Amino acid sequence: MVFMKVNRIKCPQSLIAPLIQIVIDETRKSCKKQPTACGFNPSDNAYEPLKLMQTVMAKTNEVCLRYLDNSMLCSLPPPGQPHNITSVCAAKNKRRRMEDRHVVVPDLNTMFNLQEASPSSYYAIFDGHAGHDAAAYSSAHLHQFLAESKHFVANPEQALIDAFCKTDALFIDKCNVERFNSGTTAVCALLRPKEKTLYIAWVGDSQALLVNQGRVLQCVNPHKPCRSDERERIEKEGGYVCYWGTWRVNGQLAVSRAIGDAEYKPYVIAVPDIREIPLDGGEDFLILACDGLWDYLSEDDAARTVYEMVCSNPDKTDLISERLVQLSKERGSADNISVIVVFLREPSKIAAEAHWANRNASPITMDTSLDNANNPFANSNGADTNIMGQKTDGLLLNLAENFKHNGSDLSPSGDFYHNSEKSNGKRLASEFDDDDDLGPETDVDAVDDVLSPSIAAAKALADGLVNNNPDGSFNPFVEKHEVEKAALEIDLDLQKQQSSEFDGQRSPREETPTPPADAGEFPFK
């Protein structure tokens, strides 16, 4: 909460961690000195959330005003190593509510007073569904649980697993009390520059892209019900996966792992997949984003856009994430969009050394395989190509025979993969009609937001008849179209049966309250 506050008032990055530490220390002292005034209720042996929040916000404003005095800044510890430049943008887009959250913590160690750990930076995207509660809770607590894990210093991978699972467990407890139904995907990056290591942890379909001198690595294999291993796990737990616009858990949820989603436990779990990536110093930037971006913008285009804007003006990095969001919107994205671009080298150096960037070259399709553990950019056939389709002296992922897009293998693999699909089953803006009701805003990952297969088939058949019979002489009821007609009738019956089953399984969605406004804004000057 404090972190989001100081970020919102544009506090300098080098001051965020020490100021938060001061706010935490002084709030603890206030709670010990005057517990009742801070919201402590002796009968419940707990703090009232609203009063405690007001105490914290008041203390945050007090500390920020205090350090507007330059003479007070001298009392703060000197800044450590330079922080990585970041470009962040979040857009509600055409949705009625913003259910995404994002977090950027340049100095995790100072914020939590970690003396022994290697310097660490933390970046995360949370894409909520069925409300903002899960995303808001995760963005406020996951990095805290990560830093508090006993494994944080020596075993960051286990610390990430602990943090995800603890966040999920505590939020589920909250759901049981407050009847929340929401869930969230998550993709988190833990950067340890001294150890030259990047850790990516994720649940769901938000993704991370690492770019090394024009060579691209998709770090995430999204958790979707269409993955054979995820399907087997779900069925082993007693759930099922069926196709309803896209592959769905119990016919509803389009992601197979998430934080929250209490009604889908134990089928939808929060145990993250983690990838440890060694860094060689040539990495230019990292892009984290939700599916609102990746469903409409390819990895090639995202990387190329960043390079073009850096080369055009390396001092205007704040506009880069905005441009990525704008491109996605221009290509039809209506979902919430959140993007974080983390520069792993100085943008000016990237611009100066990007002589290989020929914008007129043809782009290539990139492999997103996760198999090159020792060197993630290693090309198995020895040929090196950058995103402009040029030969380079470095390393690159090889183009796989089975084309993969956004971390999901779209090549045929038995009967289960016979349907081609977009991530999360979302439609392009040009499909069917433009003004239909997309269903409950909070169910963007659930069945409500998907065009009925029967209606889609009927629309496709109608379009075909019109397009192939401009003069009206063709009779659509001739024998060769009886098969399509019968198929649609059968599909309609199946839809009614499935809809009846879904209605029996699902509990009514509740509208979630809007979070309270902050107690005041005190921007740094």
Protein backbone atom coordinates (compact mmCIF):
# COMPACT_ATOMS: atom_id res chain seq x y z
CA MET A 1 0.00 0.00 0.00
CA VAL A 2 2.80 2.41 0.93
CA PHE A 3 4.73 1.38 -2.16
CA MET A 4 1.79 2.10 -4.46
CA LYS A 5 1.30 5.46 -2.76
CA VAL A 6 4.87 6.72 -3.20
CA ASN A 7 4.92 5.42 -6.77
CA ARG A 8 1.72 7.30 -7.56
CA ILE A 9 3.17 10.60 -6.35
CA LYS A 10 6.25 10.06 -8.55
CA CYS A 11 8.78 9.66 -5.78
CA PRO A 12 12.36 9.30 -7.16
CA GLN A 13 13.28 5.63 -7.45
CA SER A 14 16.37 6.01 -5.28
CA LEU A 15 14.23 7.29 -2.38
CA ILE A 16 11.38 4.78 -2.50
CA ALA A 17 12.99 1.95 -0.52
CA PRO A 18 14.42 4.05 2.36
CA LEU A 19 11.21 6.08 2.69
CA ILE A 20 9.09 2.94 2.84
CA GLN A 21 11.37 1.54 5.53
CA ILE A 22 10.94 4.74 7.55
CA VAL A 23 7.14 4.59 7.17
CA ILE A 24 7.08 0.96 8.32
CA ASP A 25 9.27 1.64 11.35
CA GLU A 26 7.32 4.71 12.46
CA THR A 27 3.95 2.99 11.91
CA ARG A 28 5.06 0.10 14.12
CA LYS A 29 6.05 2.54 16.85
CA SER A 30 2.67 4.28 16.60
CA CYS A 31 0.85 0.95 16.83
CA LYS A 32 2.78 0.03 19.97
CA LYS A 33 2.28 3.44 21.56
CA GLN A 34 -1.39 3.97 20.65
CA PRO A 35 -2.81 0.66 19.40
CA THR A 36 -6.46 1.69 19.75
CA ALA A 37 -5.96 4.88 17.74
CA CYS A 38 -4.34 2.79 15.00
CA GLY A 39 -7.36 0.49 14.81
CA PHE A 40 -6.56 -2.30 17.25
CA ASN A 41 -9.68 -4.07 18.52
CA PRO A 42 -8.95 -5.95 21.79
CA SER A 43 -12.08 -8.09 21.54
CA ASP A 44 -11.00 -9.46 18.15
CA ASN A 45 -7.28 -9.22 18.91
CA ALA A 46 -6.84 -7.71 15.45
CA TYR A 47 -6.62 -4.36 13.69
CA GLU A 48 -9.55 -2.83 11.84
CA PRO A 49 -8.34 -2.59 8.21
CA LEU A 50 -9.81 0.86 7.50
CA LYS A 51 -8.33 2.54 10.58
CA LEU A 52 -4.97 0.87 10.06
CA MET A 53 -4.93 1.97 6.42
CA GLN A 54 -5.73 5.55 7.45
CA THR A 55 -2.87 5.44 9.95
CA VAL A 56 -0.43 4.17 7.35
CA MET A 57 -1.53 6.73 4.73
CA ALA A 58 -1.26 9.58 7.22
CA LYS A 59 2.23 8.42 8.21
CA THR A 60 3.22 8.13 4.54
CA ASN A 61 2.10 11.69 3.83
CA GLU A 62 3.93 12.92 6.94
CA VAL A 63 7.20 11.25 5.95
CA CYS A 64 7.00 12.44 2.34
CA LEU A 65 6.39 16.03 3.42
CA ARG A 66 9.25 15.82 5.89
CA TYR A 67 11.73 14.78 3.22
CA LEU A 68 10.65 17.47 0.79
CA ASP A 69 13.11 19.52 2.82
CA ASN A 70 16.46 18.97 1.10
CA SER A 71 18.29 19.24 4.40
CA MET A 72 16.45 16.14 5.60
CA LEU A 73 17.55 14.16 2.55
CA CYS A 74 21.10 14.20 3.89
CA SER A 75 20.00 11.91 6.70
CA LEU A 76 19.00 9.17 4.28
CA PRO A 77 21.54 6.50 3.33
CA PRO A 78 23.33 7.14 0.03
CA PRO A 79 21.79 5.37 -2.96
CA GLY A 80 23.30 2.02 -3.82
CA GLN A 81 24.00 0.75 -7.29
CA PRO A 82 22.10 2.50 -10.10
CA HIS A 83 18.66 1.06 -10.67
CA ASN A 84 17.55 -0.35 -13.98
CA ILE A 85 15.53 2.11 -16.04
CA THR A 86 11.93 0.98 -16.41
CA SER A 87 9.04 2.02 -18.63
CA VAL A 88 5.58 1.21 -17.28
CA CYS A 89 2.12 1.64 -18.72
CA ALA A 90 -1.28 0.30 -17.65
CA ALA A 91 -4.52 0.93 -19.54
CA LYS A 92 -8.11 0.04 -18.68
CA ASN A 93 -8.79 0.06 -22.41
CA LYS A 94 -12.40 -0.79 -23.35
CA ARG A 95 -13.15 -2.72 -20.18
CA ARG A 96 -15.43 -1.20 -17.57
CA ARG A 97 -12.95 -1.84 -14.76
CA MET A 98 -9.20 -2.05 -14.39
CA GLU A 99 -8.41 -5.49 -12.95
CA ASP A 100 -4.66 -5.52 -13.67
CA ARG A 101 -1.98 -4.56 -11.18
CA HIS A 102 1.77 -4.13 -11.62
CA VAL A 103 4.71 -3.77 -9.24
CA VAL A 104 8.22 -2.37 -9.72
CA VAL A 105 10.61 -2.64 -6.74
CA PRO A 106 14.11 -1.58 -7.83
CA ASP A 107 15.68 -2.31 -4.42
CA LEU A 108 13.96 -5.16 -2.60
CA ASN A 109 16.76 -5.49 -0.04
CA THR A 110 16.57 -1.95 1.31
CA MET A 111 12.78 -1.99 1.44
CA PHE A 112 12.80 -5.02 3.74
CA ASN A 113 16.15 -4.32 5.41
CA LEU A 114 17.79 -7.47 4.05
CA GLN A 115 21.48 -7.26 4.90
CA GLU A 116 22.79 -10.62 3.69
CA ALA A 117 20.97 -11.08 0.39
CA SER A 118 22.46 -10.24 -2.95
CA PRO A 119 21.03 -6.98 -4.40
CA SER A 120 17.64 -7.84 -5.88
CA SER A 121 15.06 -6.10 -8.04
CA TYR A 122 11.48 -7.29 -8.41
CA TYR A 123 9.01 -6.72 -11.24
CA ALA A 124 5.55 -8.24 -11.59
CA ILE A 125 2.34 -8.16 -13.63
CA PHE A 126 -0.96 -9.43 -12.22
CA ASP A 127 -3.91 -9.91 -14.60
CA GLY A 128 -7.07 -10.25 -12.52
CA HIS A 129 -10.37 -11.82 -13.50
CA ALA A 130 -13.78 -11.92 -11.78
CA GLY A 131 -12.79 -8.75 -9.94
CA HIS A 132 -9.65 -6.87 -8.95
CA ASP A 133 -9.30 -8.30 -5.44
CA ALA A 134 -6.88 -11.15 -6.18
CA ALA A 135 -4.61 -8.94 -8.30
CA ALA A 136 -4.65 -6.15 -5.71
CA TYR A 137 -3.88 -8.54 -2.85
CA SER A 138 -1.09 -10.27 -4.77
CA SER A 139 0.53 -7.02 -5.86
CA ALA A 140 0.58 -5.84 -2.24
CA HIS A 141 1.84 -9.03 -0.60
CA LEU A 142 3.71 -11.40 -2.91
CA HIS A 143 7.01 -9.49 -2.84
CA GLN A 144 6.69 -9.17 0.94
CA PHE A 145 6.32 -12.94 1.34
CA LEU A 146 9.22 -13.41 -1.09
CA ALA A 147 11.55 -11.24 1.00
CA GLU A 148 10.38 -12.88 4.24
CA SER A 149 11.03 -16.42 3.00
CA LYS A 150 13.88 -18.19 4.78
CA HIS A 151 15.07 -19.35 1.36
CA PHE A 152 15.36 -15.87 -0.16
CA VAL A 153 19.12 -15.54 0.28
CA ALA A 154 20.33 -18.98 -0.77
CA ASN A 155 17.47 -20.48 -2.79
CA PRO A 156 15.44 -17.84 -4.65
CA GLU A 157 13.47 -20.45 -6.62
CA GLN A 158 12.09 -22.03 -3.46
CA ALA A 159 11.45 -18.55 -2.05
CA LEU A 160 9.35 -17.72 -5.10
CA ILE A 161 7.36 -20.94 -4.72
CA ASP A 162 6.80 -20.15 -1.03
CA ALA A 163 5.66 -16.62 -1.86
CA PHE A 164 3.17 -17.71 -4.52
CA CYS A 165 1.68 -20.46 -2.37
CA LYS A 166 1.45 -18.29 0.75
CA THR A 167 -0.19 -15.47 -1.20
CA ASP A 168 -2.72 -17.92 -2.62
CA ALA A 169 -3.46 -19.59 0.72
CA LEU A 170 -4.02 -16.32 2.59
CA PHE A 171 -6.15 -14.87 -0.19
CA ILE A 172 -8.30 -18.02 -0.24
CA ASP A 173 -8.84 -17.54 3.51
CA LYS A 174 -9.91 -13.98 2.73
CA CYS A 175 -12.27 -15.26 0.02
CA ASN A 176 -13.95 -17.61 2.48
CA VAL A 177 -14.66 -14.70 4.83
CA GLU A 178 -15.53 -11.96 2.34
CA ARG A 179 -16.94 -14.18 -0.43
CA PHE A 180 -14.56 -13.05 -3.14
CA ASN A 181 -14.57 -15.10 -6.35
CA SER A 182 -11.69 -13.42 -8.13
CA GLY A 183 -8.38 -14.81 -9.31
CA THR A 184 -5.28 -13.50 -11.03
CA THR A 185 -2.49 -14.65 -13.27
CA ALA A 186 1.01 -13.55 -12.30
CA VAL A 187 4.41 -13.22 -13.91
CA CYS A 188 7.26 -12.09 -11.65
CA ALA A 189 10.90 -11.33 -12.41
CA LEU A 190 13.57 -11.40 -9.71
CA LEU A 191 16.78 -9.85 -10.98
CA ARG A 192 20.09 -10.40 -9.18
CA PRO A 193 22.68 -8.49 -11.22
CA LYS A 194 25.71 -9.38 -9.06
CA GLU A 195 24.91 -13.07 -9.48
CA LYS A 196 24.17 -12.44 -13.19
CA THR A 197 20.91 -14.33 -12.84
CA LEU A 198 17.29 -13.66 -13.71
CA TYR A 199 14.45 -15.69 -12.20
CA ILE A 200 11.06 -15.75 -13.90
CA ALA A 201 8.09 -17.24 -12.01
CA TRP A 202 4.56 -17.43 -13.37
CA VAL A 203 1.07 -18.84 -13.06
CA GLY A 204 -1.42 -18.37 -15.88
CA ASP A 205 -0.82 -16.72 -19.24
CA SER A 206 0.93 -13.41 -18.52
CA GLN A 207 4.36 -13.60 -20.11
CA ALA A 208 7.94 -12.32 -20.05
CA LEU A 209 10.24 -11.68 -23.01
CA LEU A 210 14.03 -11.33 -22.71
CA VAL A 211 15.89 -9.66 -25.59
CA ASN A 212 19.65 -9.95 -26.12
CA GLN A 213 21.02 -7.77 -28.95
CA GLY A 214 18.08 -8.51 -31.21
CA ARG A 215 17.69 -12.14 -30.18
CA VAL A 216 14.49 -12.99 -28.36
CA LEU A 217 13.67 -15.51 -25.66
CA GLN A 218 10.09 -16.13 -24.55
CA CYS A 219 10.63 -17.11 -20.93
CA VAL A 220 7.14 -18.39 -20.17
CA ASN A 221 5.16 -21.46 -21.19
CA PRO A 222 1.63 -20.30 -20.26
CA HIS A 223 -0.54 -22.42 -18.00
CA LYS A 224 -3.54 -23.24 -20.15
CA PRO A 225 -5.92 -26.21 -20.07
CA CYS A 226 -4.82 -27.16 -23.60
CA ARG A 227 -1.40 -28.21 -22.28
CA SER A 228 -1.40 -32.00 -22.00
CA ASP A 229 0.42 -31.97 -18.65
CA GLU A 230 -2.03 -29.46 -17.20
CA ARG A 231 -5.00 -31.41 -18.50
CA GLU A 232 -3.71 -34.63 -16.94
CA ARG A 233 -3.16 -32.89 -13.60
CA ILE A 234 -6.67 -31.42 -13.62
CA GLU A 235 -8.32 -34.73 -14.52
CA LYS A 236 -6.30 -36.54 -11.87
CA GLU A 237 -7.76 -34.17 -9.27
CA GLY A 238 -11.28 -34.94 -10.47
CA GLY A 239 -11.84 -31.93 -12.72
CA TYR A 240 -12.32 -31.85 -16.46
CA VAL A 241 -11.30 -29.81 -19.47
CA CYS A 242 -13.68 -29.06 -22.34
CA TYR A 243 -13.76 -26.78 -25.35
CA TRP A 244 -16.04 -23.75 -25.09
CA GLY A 245 -14.60 -21.10 -27.38
CA THR A 246 -11.24 -22.20 -25.98
CA TRP A 247 -10.13 -25.03 -23.70
CA ARG A 248 -11.48 -24.41 -20.19
CA VAL A 249 -11.21 -25.88 -16.70
CA ASN A 250 -14.63 -27.30 -15.80
CA GLY A 251 -15.95 -25.58 -18.90
CA GLN A 252 -15.31 -22.10 -17.53
CA LEU A 253 -11.81 -20.89 -16.64
CA ALA A 254 -9.34 -20.41 -19.51
CA VAL A 255 -6.19 -20.63 -17.37
CA SER A 256 -5.13 -23.73 -15.46
CA ARG A 257 -3.08 -21.99 -12.74
CA ALA A 258 -3.81 -18.78 -10.89
CA ILE A 259 -3.73 -17.13 -7.50
CA GLY A 260 -7.22 -17.17 -6.00
CA ASP A 261 -10.17 -18.70 -7.92
CA ALA A 262 -11.37 -20.43 -4.76
CA GLU A 263 -14.28 -22.15 -6.50
CA TYR A 264 -11.88 -23.94 -8.88
CA LYS A 265 -9.64 -25.49 -6.23
CA PRO A 266 -7.96 -27.97 -6.33
CA TYR A 267 -7.96 -27.98 -10.14
CA VAL A 268 -6.52 -24.47 -10.52
CA ILE A 269 -3.38 -24.23 -8.41
CA ALA A 270 -0.95 -21.42 -7.60
CA VAL A 271 2.31 -23.40 -7.69
CA PRO A 272 4.44 -21.43 -10.16
CA ASP A 273 6.74 -22.65 -12.87
CA ILE A 274 10.15 -21.03 -12.47
CA ARG A 275 12.93 -20.44 -14.92
CA GLU A 276 16.47 -19.50 -13.92
CA ILE A 277 18.25 -17.63 -16.72
CA PRO A 278 22.00 -16.92 -16.59
CA LEU A 279 22.89 -13.46 -17.90
CA ASP A 280 25.95 -12.81 -20.04
CA GLY A 281 25.83 -9.00 -19.99
CA GLY A 282 24.53 -8.66 -23.53
CA GLU A 283 20.87 -8.57 -22.54
CA ASP A 284 19.20 -5.32 -23.59
CA PHE A 285 15.76 -5.42 -21.99
CA LEU A 286 13.00 -7.50 -20.46
CA ILE A 287 9.29 -7.09 -21.27
CA LEU A 288 6.61 -8.30 -18.87
CA ALA A 289 2.98 -7.98 -19.96
CA CYS A 290 -0.46 -9.51 -19.59
CA ASP A 291 -2.35 -11.26 -22.38
CA GLY A 292 -4.07 -7.99 -23.28
CA LEU A 293 -0.80 -7.17 -25.06
CA TRP A 294 0.51 -10.57 -26.15
CA ASP A 295 -2.76 -11.68 -27.77
CA TYR A 296 -2.38 -8.90 -30.34
CA LEU A 297 1.33 -8.09 -30.50
CA SER A 298 3.93 -10.67 -31.47
CA GLU A 299 7.26 -11.04 -29.72
CA ASP A 300 9.06 -9.82 -32.85
CA ASP A 301 6.97 -6.67 -33.11
CA ALA A 302 7.28 -5.89 -29.41
CA ALA A 303 11.08 -6.21 -29.46
CA ARG A 304 11.39 -4.30 -32.72
CA THR A 305 9.22 -1.46 -31.40
CA VAL A 306 11.40 -1.07 -28.31
CA TYR A 307 14.58 -1.01 -30.41
CA GLU A 308 13.17 1.52 -32.86
CA MET A 309 12.07 3.88 -30.10
CA VAL A 310 15.35 3.54 -28.20
CA CYS A 311 17.36 4.24 -31.35
CA SER A 312 15.10 7.17 -32.18
CA ASN A 313 15.36 8.79 -28.74
CA PRO A 314 17.14 6.92 -25.92
CA ASP A 315 16.14 9.62 -23.41
CA LYS A 316 12.39 9.05 -23.89
CA THR A 317 12.12 5.54 -22.51
CA ASP A 318 8.94 6.40 -20.61
CA LEU A 319 7.07 6.51 -23.94
CA ILE A 320 8.07 2.98 -24.96
CA SER A 321 5.55 1.07 -22.87
CA GLU A 322 2.85 3.52 -23.94
CA ARG A 323 3.66 2.77 -27.57
CA LEU A 324 3.40 -0.99 -26.99
CA VAL A 325 -0.01 -0.51 -25.40
CA GLN A 326 -1.12 1.72 -28.26
CA LEU A 327 -0.02 -0.82 -30.87
CA SER A 328 -1.98 -3.55 -29.14
CA LYS A 329 -5.09 -1.36 -29.02
CA GLU A 330 -4.73 -0.49 -32.70
CA ARG A 331 -4.68 -4.20 -33.51
CA GLY A 332 -7.93 -4.88 -31.72
CA SER A 333 -7.18 -5.45 -28.04
CA ALA A 334 -10.11 -4.46 -25.82
CA ASP A 335 -8.80 -6.03 -22.60
CA ASN A 336 -6.89 -4.38 -19.76
CA ILE A 337 -3.25 -3.97 -20.78
CA SER A 338 -0.25 -3.72 -18.43
CA VAL A 339 3.36 -3.57 -19.61
CA ILE A 340 6.73 -3.24 -17.85
CA VAL A 341 9.90 -2.77 -19.90
CA VAL A 342 13.08 -3.21 -17.82
CA PHE A 343 16.30 -2.03 -19.45
CA LEU A 344 19.21 -4.26 -18.49
CA ARG A 345 21.68 -1.90 -20.16
CA GLU A 346 21.72 1.86 -20.57
CA PRO A 347 19.35 2.82 -23.42
CA SER A 348 22.03 5.11 -24.87
CA LYS A 349 24.43 2.16 -25.14
CA ILE A 350 21.75 0.02 -26.74
CA ALA A 351 21.10 2.75 -29.31
CA ALA A 352 24.81 3.24 -30.01
CA GLU A 353 25.52 -0.46 -30.49
CA ALA A 354 22.41 -1.43 -32.44
CA HIS A 355 24.12 -1.06 -35.82
CA TRP A 356 22.69 -4.42 -36.87
CA ALA A 357 19.14 -3.00 -36.75
CA ASN A 358 18.00 -2.81 -40.36
CA ARG A 359 14.34 -1.88 -40.24
CA ASN A 360 13.72 -2.93 -43.83
CA ALA A 361 14.76 -6.54 -43.20
CA SER A 362 12.15 -9.28 -43.00
CA PRO A 363 11.31 -10.46 -39.51
CA ILE A 364 11.59 -14.11 -38.59
CA THR A 365 9.48 -16.40 -36.46
CA MET A 366 11.16 -17.14 -33.16
CA ASP A 367 11.32 -20.34 -31.17
CA THR A 368 9.97 -20.05 -27.65
CA SER A 369 11.29 -23.40 -26.50
CA LEU A 370 12.29 -23.63 -22.86
CA ASP A 371 14.83 -26.40 -23.35
CA ASN A 372 18.13 -24.46 -23.58
CA ALA A 373 18.81 -24.37 -19.86
CA ASN A 374 22.55 -23.68 -20.01
CA ASN A 375 22.37 -20.90 -22.56
CA PRO A 376 18.85 -19.74 -23.31
CA PHE A 377 19.89 -18.02 -26.51
CA ALA A 378 21.76 -21.03 -27.93
CA ASN A 379 20.78 -22.01 -31.47
CA SER A 380 20.93 -25.76 -31.96
CA ASN A 381 21.83 -25.53 -35.64
CA GLY A 382 24.56 -22.97 -35.17
CA ALA A 383 22.84 -20.31 -37.25
CA ASP A 384 22.37 -16.97 -35.52
CA THR A 385 19.67 -14.54 -36.59
CA ASN A 386 18.25 -11.44 -34.95
CA ILE A 387 14.69 -10.12 -35.03
CA MET A 388 15.46 -8.33 -38.27
CA GLY A 389 16.26 -11.64 -39.96
CA GLN A 390 19.99 -10.90 -40.14
CA LYS A 391 22.95 -13.13 -39.32
CA THR A 392 24.76 -12.22 -36.11
CA ASP A 393 27.85 -13.36 -34.25
CA GLY A 394 25.94 -14.10 -31.08
CA LEU A 395 23.50 -16.80 -30.03
CA LEU A 396 19.85 -17.27 -30.86
CA LEU A 397 17.05 -19.70 -30.26
CA ASN A 398 16.50 -21.97 -33.22
CA LEU A 399 13.30 -21.88 -35.22
CA ALA A 400 11.45 -25.04 -34.25
CA GLU A 401 9.66 -27.26 -36.72
CA ASN A 402 6.56 -27.18 -34.54
CA PHE A 403 5.62 -23.52 -34.56
CA LYS A 404 5.07 -22.06 -31.10
CA HIS A 405 3.44 -18.74 -30.37
CA ASN A 406 3.51 -16.93 -27.03
CA GLY A 407 4.81 -20.04 -25.29
CA SER A 408 2.01 -22.35 -26.49
CA ASP A 409 2.65 -25.11 -28.99
CA LEU A 410 0.06 -24.65 -31.73
CA SER A 411 1.14 -27.60 -33.82
CA PRO A 412 -1.20 -30.62 -34.03
CA SER A 413 -0.66 -33.16 -31.27
CA GLY A 414 -3.37 -35.79 -31.25
CA ASP A 415 -7.08 -35.10 -31.08
CA PHE A 416 -6.74 -32.71 -28.17
CA TYR A 417 -4.97 -30.03 -30.22
CA HIS A 418 -7.12 -30.02 -33.32
CA ASN A 419 -8.49 -26.53 -32.68
CA SER A 420 -6.51 -23.41 -33.46
CA GLU A 421 -7.16 -20.65 -30.96
CA LYS A 422 -6.17 -17.26 -29.71
CA SER A 423 -4.93 -16.92 -26.14
CA ASN A 424 -7.82 -16.97 -23.67
CA GLY A 425 -10.29 -17.46 -26.50
CA LYS A 426 -10.67 -13.73 -27.10
CA ARG A 427 -12.03 -12.49 -30.41
CA LEU A 428 -10.60 -10.02 -32.83
CA ALA A 429 -12.62 -6.84 -32.95
CA SER A 430 -13.74 -7.66 -36.50
CA GLU A 431 -15.31 -10.99 -35.56
CA PHE A 432 -19.09 -11.38 -35.54
CA ASP A 433 -20.40 -8.00 -34.40
CA ASP A 434 -18.90 -4.98 -32.69
CA ASP A 435 -21.64 -3.97 -30.30
CA ASP A 436 -22.72 -7.19 -28.62
CA ASP A 437 -22.72 -7.56 -24.85
CA LEU A 438 -19.48 -9.26 -23.86
CA GLY A 439 -20.99 -10.48 -20.62
CA PRO A 440 -19.85 -9.66 -17.11
CA GLU A 441 -16.75 -7.49 -17.12
CA THR A 442 -15.21 -9.53 -14.36
CA ASP A 443 -15.42 -12.83 -16.24
CA VAL A 444 -12.91 -12.13 -19.00
CA ASP A 445 -11.19 -15.46 -18.35
CA ALA A 446 -14.45 -17.33 -17.84
CA VAL A 447 -17.07 -18.72 -20.19
CA ASP A 448 -19.28 -15.61 -20.15
CA ASP A 449 -16.93 -13.65 -22.37
CA VAL A 450 -16.74 -16.20 -25.19
CA LEU A 451 -18.76 -16.28 -28.36
CA SER A 452 -20.97 -19.37 -28.42
CA PRO A 453 -19.58 -22.02 -30.80
CA SER A 454 -23.09 -22.56 -32.20
CA ILE A 455 -23.59 -18.87 -32.91
CA ALA A 456 -20.12 -18.65 -34.41
CA ALA A 457 -20.84 -21.59 -36.71
CA ALA A 458 -24.19 -20.13 -37.73
CA LYS A 459 -22.60 -16.78 -38.47
CA ALA A 460 -19.85 -18.43 -40.53
CA LEU A 461 -22.43 -20.41 -42.53
CA ALA A 462 -24.57 -17.32 -43.12
CA ASP A 463 -21.55 -15.31 -44.26
CA GLY A 464 -20.59 -18.10 -46.62
CA LEU A 465 -24.03 -18.25 -48.20
CA VAL A 466 -24.17 -14.50 -48.70
CA ASN A 467 -20.64 -14.21 -50.05
CA ASN A 468 -21.07 -17.12 -52.46
CA ASN A 469 -24.56 -16.11 -53.65
CA PRO A 470 -24.57 -12.39 -54.41
CA ASP A 471 -27.50 -12.58 -56.86
CA GLY A 472 -29.74 -14.53 -54.48
CA SER A 473 -30.24 -17.42 -56.90
CA PHE A 474 -28.65 -20.01 -54.66
CA ASN A 475 -30.98 -22.02 -52.41
CA PRO A 476 -29.35 -22.59 -49.01
CA PHE A 477 -31.64 -25.50 -48.26
CA VAL A 478 -30.35 -27.81 -50.96
CA GLU A 479 -29.14 -31.24 -49.96
CA LYS A 480 -25.46 -30.45 -49.68
CA HIS A 481 -26.20 -27.98 -46.86
CA GLU A 482 -28.42 -30.30 -44.87
CA VAL A 483 -25.29 -31.59 -43.11
CA GLU A 484 -24.38 -28.12 -41.85
CA LYS A 485 -27.93 -27.49 -40.74
CA ALA A 486 -28.12 -30.75 -38.80
CA ALA A 487 -24.75 -30.10 -37.22
CA LEU A 488 -25.87 -26.70 -36.01
CA GLU A 489 -29.03 -28.15 -34.48
CA ILE A 490 -27.04 -30.81 -32.63
CA ASP A 491 -24.54 -28.21 -31.46
CA LEU A 492 -27.36 -25.98 -30.21
CA ASP A 493 -28.78 -28.84 -28.14
CA LEU A 494 -25.33 -29.53 -26.70
CA GLN A 495 -24.91 -25.87 -25.87
CA LYS A 496 -28.19 -25.83 -23.94
CA GLN A 497 -27.17 -28.90 -21.96
CA GLN A 498 -23.73 -27.46 -21.13
CA SER A 499 -25.24 -24.10 -20.23
CA SER A 500 -27.60 -25.84 -17.82
CA GLU A 501 -24.67 -27.69 -16.24
CA PHE A 502 -22.65 -24.48 -15.92
CA ASP A 503 -25.56 -22.69 -14.24
CA GLY A 504 -25.73 -25.46 -11.67
CA GLN A 505 -22.00 -25.36 -10.97
CA ARG A 506 -21.38 -21.64 -10.79
CA SER A 507 -22.25 -19.33 -7.97
CA PRO A 508 -23.47 -15.82 -8.83
CA ARG A 509 -20.68 -13.31 -9.32
CA GLU A 510 -20.74 -10.40 -6.93
CA GLU A 511 -19.70 -6.93 -7.87
CA THR A 512 -16.54 -5.97 -6.03
CA PRO A 513 -16.29 -2.65 -4.17
CA THR A 514 -14.10 0.14 -5.43
CA PRO A 515 -11.01 0.51 -3.21
CA PRO A 516 -11.02 3.62 -0.98
CA ALA A 517 -9.28 6.71 -2.23
CA ASP A 518 -5.98 7.76 -0.71
CA ALA A 519 -5.99 10.31 2.08
CA GLY A 520 -4.25 12.88 -0.05
CA GLU A 521 -1.58 13.44 -2.68
CA PHE A 522 1.74 15.13 -1.97
CA PRO A 523 3.82 14.96 -5.17
CA PHE A 524 7.54 15.38 -5.11
CA LYS A 525 8.82 18.42 -6.91
